[in-house]
Structures are given as structure tokens and as C-alpha cells.
Amino acid sequence: MAHLAVNVDHIATIREARGTDEPDPVLVAGIAELAGAEGIICHLRMDRRHVKDRDLELLRRTVKTKLNLEMAPAKELLDIALAIKPDVVTLVPERREELTTEGGLDVARNREEYGRITCTLKEAGIAVSFFIDPDPDQIRESATAGADIIELNTREYSEARTEPDILREFEKIKEAAKLAGELKLRVHAGHGLNYVNVRRFASIPEIEEYSIGHSIIARTVMVGIDQAVREMVALVSRF
């Protein structure tokens, strides 16, 4: 049975739009857990455009399930992760100009650097995930670099508009998950998944967790965070 991890970045984005103190991503994380989420995700970006250090510190104190910190492979953020000790660190690429994370890590080009960061985090008792595109070479390099988990970037699948394109991108994810399982990597998936396009993933047993944020927060506007999370939990728990 697959699990849902809720990304609370977009709650922080709404807060920062007005430069106020609400809505509070820490409070929303607690409600999401009570509604059945089995993990909370936040991305502490270098420019602190949404989630702040204060949010991360409070989330570490209050999250009862699993706290997953997304971060760029940078020393400043590594030091913060070692101090805060989230349950999982997901390494992601980061560009200041992007609205959200655009693509996966290039592990093949940076294997030694990512390997050193991974070793440091694992020595501190923190599990390490790499956010990567569903590419066989990147998966193999992730295993070599010591990752415990890979999170498959589902952006191309989520943004595909014709059925042939959707099927092509889905097959890439399916084959990538299978290879990762053979390499003894745990598999997560996320980026652009919603209440409709996630249903197809019931046919990929290797994926144990779905990282979803924007779609749930958008649904929250209509039905509230408790109901929005419960609806997504009901979907992915069937997988």
C-alpha cells in the first residue's frame, strides 16, 4: 500500500504573498497528518522564498509522522539539515529563476559531490533521497552514490497533453521504478500529480510514497485541508 506525503510549500507561498503570518504551514502540516498523511515535505530554498528557517524548526518539533526536507546540495543547507535532523533529506536541483523545481539532479555529472553529502547525512542518521528524472543512468548513478531513496520526477508525465505522450512518459516512470527496485532503492514519485493523473500509478507497485503539494492545496480552497488530504490518501492507499 502506497503512502501520501504532503508538501506544505504552497501554504508558505500564500503567506509570503501578503508578507503576513498566515496561513501557517506548521498548522496545516498537523491537520494533514490527522487526515492521514504519512509524511510532511518542505523545501527550504536558498532564497527562502516560501518556507523559512522558523517553519523548518517548528515542523521538526511538531511533525509526528516523517519530515522530509527538500534542499539543494549546498553547504549552508547541509549544515542546517545536520542541526535540524529531518527524517529524510531529498536533494533537488535549484535555480533562482525557476517558479518550482524543473528537473531532476544530474547525478551522473556530480556523483562524487552527492556521494559525499549523502555519506555525511547518513552518518547523522538521516535517510537520503535523490530527486531525479526517470532515466536509467541517473538511477544507477544514484545507487552508486549511496542514495536510500529516489523520487522520480513526474513532471513530463503530468504536463503531457496527448494520450500517446502521456503513455510514453508513464512507461518511462514504470520502467524506472522497476529498475530502482532491482537496485534495492526505495521509490517515491512526485511533481504535478493530481487527483486524476495519479490514478494510473496503481499499476506501479514499486512506488511506496507520493509527494504531492500543489494539487492538494488547490483542492483545499474548495473543501478544506482535512477533506483534501483524506481524498488523496484514499486514492493512493489503493495502490
Protein backbone atom coordinates (compact mmCIF):
# COMPACT_ATOMS: atom_id res chain seq x y z
CA MET A 1 0.00 0.00 0.00
CA ALA A 2 1.41 3.38 -1.03
CA HIS A 3 1.55 6.41 1.27
CA LEU A 4 0.96 10.12 0.83
CA ALA A 5 3.42 12.82 1.87
CA VAL A 6 2.05 16.35 1.73
CA ASN A 7 4.23 19.25 0.62
CA VAL A 8 3.35 22.42 2.57
CA ASP A 9 5.45 24.84 0.47
CA HIS A 10 2.39 26.34 -1.21
CA ILE A 11 0.87 27.27 2.14
CA ALA A 12 4.04 29.25 2.84
CA THR A 13 3.81 30.80 -0.64
CA ILE A 14 0.31 32.10 0.12
CA ARG A 15 1.56 33.53 3.40
CA GLU A 16 4.51 35.27 1.75
CA ALA A 17 2.25 36.81 -0.93
CA ARG A 18 0.95 39.18 1.75
CA GLY A 19 4.04 39.23 3.95
CA THR A 20 1.97 38.19 6.96
CA ASP A 21 1.97 35.24 9.35
CA GLU A 22 -0.92 33.26 7.93
CA PRO A 23 -1.72 30.70 6.73
CA ASP A 24 0.81 28.79 8.81
CA PRO A 25 2.38 25.75 7.09
CA VAL A 26 3.13 24.24 10.50
CA LEU A 27 -0.55 24.24 11.45
CA VAL A 28 -1.54 22.86 8.05
CA ALA A 29 1.03 20.06 8.43
CA GLY A 30 -0.60 18.99 11.67
CA ILE A 31 -4.06 18.90 10.11
CA ALA A 32 -2.69 16.93 7.14
CA GLU A 33 -1.23 14.32 9.48
CA LEU A 34 -4.52 14.00 11.36
CA ALA A 35 -6.24 13.50 8.00
CA GLY A 36 -3.99 10.54 7.15
CA ALA A 37 -0.82 11.92 5.55
CA GLU A 38 2.18 9.78 6.47
CA GLY A 39 4.78 12.42 5.78
CA ILE A 40 5.29 16.17 5.55
CA ILE A 41 7.59 17.75 2.98
CA CYS A 42 9.05 21.24 2.88
CA HIS A 43 11.61 22.80 0.56
CA LEU A 44 13.98 25.25 2.21
CA ARG A 45 15.23 27.17 -0.79
CA MET A 46 18.42 29.21 -0.84
CA ASP A 47 16.42 32.43 -1.29
CA ARG A 48 13.83 31.47 1.39
CA ARG A 49 11.03 32.50 -0.97
CA HIS A 50 8.41 30.47 0.89
CA VAL A 51 9.45 28.12 3.70
CA LYS A 52 11.58 29.85 6.31
CA ASP A 53 14.05 28.51 8.84
CA ARG A 54 11.43 29.10 11.55
CA ASP A 55 8.98 26.84 9.70
CA LEU A 56 11.51 24.03 9.44
CA GLU A 57 12.44 24.28 13.12
CA LEU A 58 8.80 24.13 14.21
CA LEU A 59 7.98 21.34 11.80
CA ARG A 60 10.80 19.27 13.28
CA ARG A 61 9.29 19.75 16.73
CA THR A 62 5.71 19.01 15.73
CA VAL A 63 5.63 16.50 12.85
CA LYS A 64 4.65 13.10 14.22
CA THR A 65 4.98 11.02 11.06
CA LYS A 66 8.03 11.78 8.90
CA LEU A 67 9.64 15.07 7.99
CA ASN A 68 11.25 15.25 4.55
CA LEU A 69 13.44 18.29 3.89
CA GLU A 70 13.97 19.12 0.23
CA MET A 71 17.13 21.14 -0.34
CA ALA A 72 19.81 21.96 -2.85
CA PRO A 73 23.15 20.21 -2.36
CA ALA A 74 24.76 23.30 -0.78
CA LYS A 75 26.92 23.53 2.37
CA GLU A 76 24.68 26.13 4.05
CA LEU A 77 21.68 23.83 3.76
CA LEU A 78 23.66 20.74 4.67
CA ASP A 79 24.67 22.41 7.94
CA ILE A 80 21.01 23.24 8.64
CA ALA A 81 19.94 19.68 7.91
CA LEU A 82 22.57 18.29 10.26
CA ALA A 83 21.36 20.61 13.01
CA ILE A 84 17.61 20.04 12.48
CA LYS A 85 17.86 16.32 11.69
CA PRO A 86 14.80 15.68 9.49
CA ASP A 87 13.93 12.05 8.93
CA VAL A 88 14.74 12.35 5.22
CA VAL A 89 16.65 14.83 3.09
CA THR A 90 15.73 14.96 -0.58
CA LEU A 91 18.43 16.55 -2.68
CA VAL A 92 16.97 18.63 -5.50
CA PRO A 93 18.48 20.94 -8.14
CA GLU A 94 17.70 24.61 -7.71
CA ARG A 95 17.75 27.67 -9.95
CA ARG A 96 16.86 31.11 -8.61
CA GLU A 97 14.84 31.92 -11.74
CA GLU A 98 12.53 28.89 -11.58
CA LEU A 99 9.00 29.01 -10.21
CA THR A 100 9.33 25.47 -8.89
CA THR A 101 11.82 22.63 -9.28
CA GLU A 102 12.06 22.00 -13.01
CA GLY A 103 14.09 18.84 -13.47
CA GLY A 104 16.00 16.14 -11.66
CA LEU A 105 19.52 16.05 -10.32
CA ASP A 106 22.34 15.25 -12.72
CA VAL A 107 23.83 12.56 -10.52
CA ALA A 108 26.00 11.20 -13.31
CA ARG A 109 27.88 14.50 -13.54
CA ASN A 110 28.06 15.16 -9.79
CA ARG A 111 28.26 11.68 -8.28
CA GLU A 112 31.30 12.31 -6.08
CA GLU A 113 29.86 15.53 -4.61
CA TYR A 114 26.44 13.99 -3.98
CA GLY A 115 28.11 10.89 -2.60
CA ARG A 116 30.00 12.96 -0.01
CA ILE A 117 26.84 14.80 1.04
CA THR A 118 24.94 11.53 1.23
CA CYS A 119 27.60 9.94 3.40
CA THR A 120 27.58 12.91 5.79
CA LEU A 121 23.80 12.84 6.14
CA LYS A 122 23.62 9.08 6.61
CA GLU A 123 26.31 9.21 9.29
CA ALA A 124 23.97 11.60 11.13
CA GLY A 125 21.13 9.08 10.88
CA ILE A 126 19.27 10.89 8.10
CA ALA A 127 17.92 8.94 5.13
CA VAL A 128 18.80 10.41 1.73
CA SER A 129 16.63 10.70 -1.36
CA PHE A 130 17.64 11.97 -4.80
CA PHE A 131 15.03 13.77 -6.94
CA ILE A 132 15.82 12.50 -10.44
CA ASP A 133 14.28 12.15 -13.86
CA PRO A 134 13.13 8.62 -14.81
CA ASP A 135 16.39 7.91 -16.59
CA PRO A 136 18.18 4.53 -16.17
CA ASP A 137 21.66 6.08 -16.00
CA GLN A 138 20.62 8.52 -13.27
CA ILE A 139 19.05 5.69 -11.29
CA ARG A 140 22.19 3.58 -11.46
CA GLU A 141 24.37 6.55 -10.50
CA SER A 142 22.06 7.28 -7.56
CA ALA A 143 22.54 3.75 -6.26
CA THR A 144 26.31 4.07 -6.66
CA ALA A 145 26.29 7.42 -4.82
CA GLY A 146 24.62 5.78 -1.83
CA ALA A 147 21.05 7.11 -2.01
CA ASP A 148 18.49 5.22 0.07
CA ILE A 149 15.56 6.51 -1.97
CA ILE A 150 14.92 8.03 -5.37
CA GLU A 151 12.00 10.33 -6.04
CA LEU A 152 11.03 10.06 -9.68
CA ASN A 153 10.23 13.38 -11.32
CA THR A 154 6.76 13.04 -12.81
CA ARG A 155 6.67 16.49 -14.40
CA GLU A 156 6.85 15.34 -18.03
CA TYR A 157 4.05 12.86 -17.41
CA SER A 158 1.93 15.44 -15.58
CA GLU A 159 2.35 18.06 -18.29
CA ALA A 160 1.81 15.74 -21.28
CA ARG A 161 -1.40 16.60 -23.12
CA THR A 162 -1.98 13.86 -25.70
CA GLU A 163 -2.65 10.24 -24.83
CA PRO A 164 0.41 8.92 -26.75
CA ASP A 165 2.66 11.40 -24.91
CA ILE A 166 1.07 10.53 -21.57
CA LEU A 167 1.55 6.80 -22.17
CA ARG A 168 5.15 7.29 -23.30
CA GLU A 169 6.07 9.29 -20.19
CA PHE A 170 4.21 6.89 -17.94
CA GLU A 171 6.11 3.92 -19.35
CA LYS A 172 9.39 5.69 -18.61
CA ILE A 173 8.34 6.06 -14.97
CA LYS A 174 7.16 2.47 -14.79
CA GLU A 175 10.44 1.10 -16.16
CA ALA A 176 12.45 3.44 -13.94
CA ALA A 177 10.62 2.26 -10.84
CA LYS A 178 11.22 -1.35 -11.79
CA LEU A 179 14.96 -0.76 -12.26
CA ALA A 180 15.19 1.11 -8.96
CA GLY A 181 13.51 -1.79 -7.19
CA GLU A 182 16.02 -4.21 -8.70
CA LEU A 183 18.81 -1.98 -7.36
CA LYS A 184 17.25 -2.09 -3.87
CA LEU A 185 16.36 1.60 -3.93
CA ARG A 186 13.13 2.73 -2.32
CA VAL A 187 10.96 4.64 -4.78
CA HIS A 188 8.91 7.80 -4.33
CA ALA A 189 7.28 9.89 -7.05
CA GLY A 190 6.11 13.45 -7.40
CA HIS A 191 5.77 16.70 -9.34
CA GLY A 192 2.48 17.80 -10.84
CA LEU A 193 0.49 14.79 -9.70
CA ASN A 194 -3.19 15.42 -9.02
CA TYR A 195 -6.45 13.64 -8.19
CA VAL A 196 -6.88 12.48 -11.80
CA ASN A 197 -3.45 11.65 -13.20
CA VAL A 198 -2.24 9.79 -10.09
CA ARG A 199 -4.81 7.02 -10.63
CA ARG A 200 -2.72 5.42 -13.37
CA PHE A 201 0.06 4.72 -10.86
CA ALA A 202 -1.88 1.87 -9.26
CA SER A 203 -0.02 -0.35 -11.76
CA ILE A 204 3.44 0.52 -10.34
CA PRO A 205 3.89 -1.45 -7.11
CA GLU A 206 7.47 -0.28 -6.57
CA ILE A 207 6.37 3.27 -5.70
CA GLU A 208 5.81 3.40 -1.96
CA GLU A 209 5.14 7.11 -1.49
CA TYR A 210 3.68 10.01 -3.46
CA SER A 211 4.86 13.57 -2.80
CA ILE A 212 2.00 15.93 -3.60
CA GLY A 213 1.54 19.58 -2.75
CA HIS A 214 0.01 21.97 -5.28
CA SER A 215 -3.00 19.83 -6.20
CA ILE A 216 -3.91 19.25 -2.56
CA ILE A 217 -3.58 22.93 -1.66
CA ALA A 218 -5.68 23.88 -4.70
CA ARG A 219 -8.36 21.42 -3.59
CA THR A 220 -8.12 22.84 -0.08
CA VAL A 221 -9.55 26.15 -1.34
CA MET A 222 -12.75 24.27 -2.20
CA VAL A 223 -13.13 21.70 0.59
CA GLY A 224 -10.56 22.46 3.30
CA ILE A 225 -7.24 20.81 4.08
CA ASP A 226 -8.70 17.91 6.07
CA GLN A 227 -11.01 16.76 3.27
CA ALA A 228 -8.45 17.42 0.52
CA VAL A 229 -5.85 15.22 2.24
CA ARG A 230 -8.36 12.49 3.04
CA GLU A 231 -9.40 12.31 -0.61
CA MET A 232 -5.81 11.90 -1.81
CA VAL A 233 -4.98 9.38 0.92
CA ALA A 234 -7.98 7.32 -0.21
CA LEU A 235 -6.64 7.32 -3.77
CA VAL A 236 -3.01 6.36 -3.17
CA SER A 237 -3.73 3.86 -0.40
CA ARG A 238 -5.39 1.65 -3.01
CA PHE A 239 -2.11 1.20 -4.88
